[in-house]
Every structure is written in structure tokens, then in C-alpha cells.
Amino acid sequence: MVKTFCVPSISRLLTRTGEFHHHTQKRYDDTGLLIAEILQWGYESERGAEAIAGFRL
């Protein structure tokens, strides 16, 4: 999650869309759920691949 904030283009997007200020808890919760899917099922599983695809949205 920290890496997301270190990439300048992503930080600008999150700031511009208000995600930093208006949806902080939702972003935190969603990131935790996605990472849990990858850790539990592996990144090569169908569920893991879907979780990774969710990061790209």
C-alpha cells in the first residue's frame, strides 16, 4: 500500500479524485482484502489473479 503513495502519477490521481481525503478507510479496507486474497490463494490462482486485476482498476 505504501508503494501506491510513492508513485507520483498514482499519488496525483488519488489526490485529484479525492480518494486520499474522502475514501481513506475504504481504500485501506479494500487493499487489505485484496492482499489477503493473494496471500491465501496465491497470485497464480483464479482468485489471486482477480485480486491483482482489482489493483489495476
Protein backbone atom coordinates (compact mmCIF):
# COMPACT_ATOMS: atom_id res chain seq x y z
CA MET A 1 0.00 0.00 0.00
CA VAL A 2 2.82 2.41 0.78
CA LYS A 3 4.20 1.96 -2.74
CA THR A 4 0.92 3.27 -4.15
CA PHE A 5 1.55 6.61 -2.49
CA CYS A 6 5.19 6.74 -3.65
CA VAL A 7 4.40 6.58 -7.36
CA PRO A 8 3.96 10.22 -8.41
CA SER A 9 1.36 9.58 -11.11
CA ILE A 10 -0.78 7.47 -8.77
CA SER A 11 -0.46 9.99 -5.95
CA ARG A 12 -1.59 12.79 -8.29
CA LEU A 13 -4.57 10.71 -9.43
CA LEU A 14 -5.62 9.85 -5.87
CA THR A 15 -5.30 13.47 -4.81
CA ARG A 16 -7.17 14.79 -7.87
CA THR A 17 -10.06 12.34 -7.43
CA GLY A 18 -10.31 12.97 -3.69
CA GLU A 19 -9.52 9.36 -2.78
CA PHE A 20 -6.90 10.49 -0.24
CA HIS A 21 -9.34 12.74 1.56
CA HIS A 22 -12.80 11.26 1.09
CA HIS A 23 -12.39 7.48 0.95
CA THR A 24 -9.36 6.79 3.12
CA GLN A 25 -10.87 3.97 5.20
CA LYS A 26 -12.45 2.28 2.16
CA ARG A 27 -9.11 2.32 0.29
CA TYR A 28 -7.38 0.86 3.36
CA ASP A 29 -10.03 -1.86 3.80
CA ASP A 30 -10.16 -2.77 0.10
CA THR A 31 -6.37 -3.03 -0.11
CA GLY A 32 -6.33 -5.34 2.92
CA LEU A 33 -8.98 -7.59 1.38
CA LEU A 34 -7.16 -7.80 -1.94
CA ILE A 35 -3.83 -8.61 -0.30
CA ALA A 36 -5.49 -11.27 1.87
CA GLU A 37 -6.84 -12.98 -1.27
CA ILE A 38 -3.36 -13.09 -2.79
CA LEU A 39 -1.76 -14.38 0.41
CA GLN A 40 -4.41 -17.05 0.96
CA TRP A 41 -4.81 -18.34 -2.60
CA GLY A 42 -1.57 -17.34 -4.32
CA TYR A 43 -1.13 -14.91 -7.16
CA GLU A 44 -1.38 -17.61 -9.84
CA SER A 45 -4.79 -18.86 -8.66
CA GLU A 46 -8.01 -17.58 -10.21
CA ARG A 47 -8.89 -15.65 -7.05
CA GLY A 48 -5.36 -14.25 -6.74
CA ALA A 49 -5.37 -13.16 -10.38
CA GLU A 50 -8.73 -11.43 -9.88
CA ALA A 51 -7.38 -9.64 -6.81
CA ILE A 52 -4.35 -8.44 -8.78
CA ALA A 53 -6.61 -7.27 -11.61
CA GLY A 54 -8.54 -5.27 -8.97
CA PHE A 55 -5.39 -3.32 -8.15
CA ARG A 56 -5.25 -2.09 -11.73
CA LEU A 57 -8.69 -0.50 -11.60
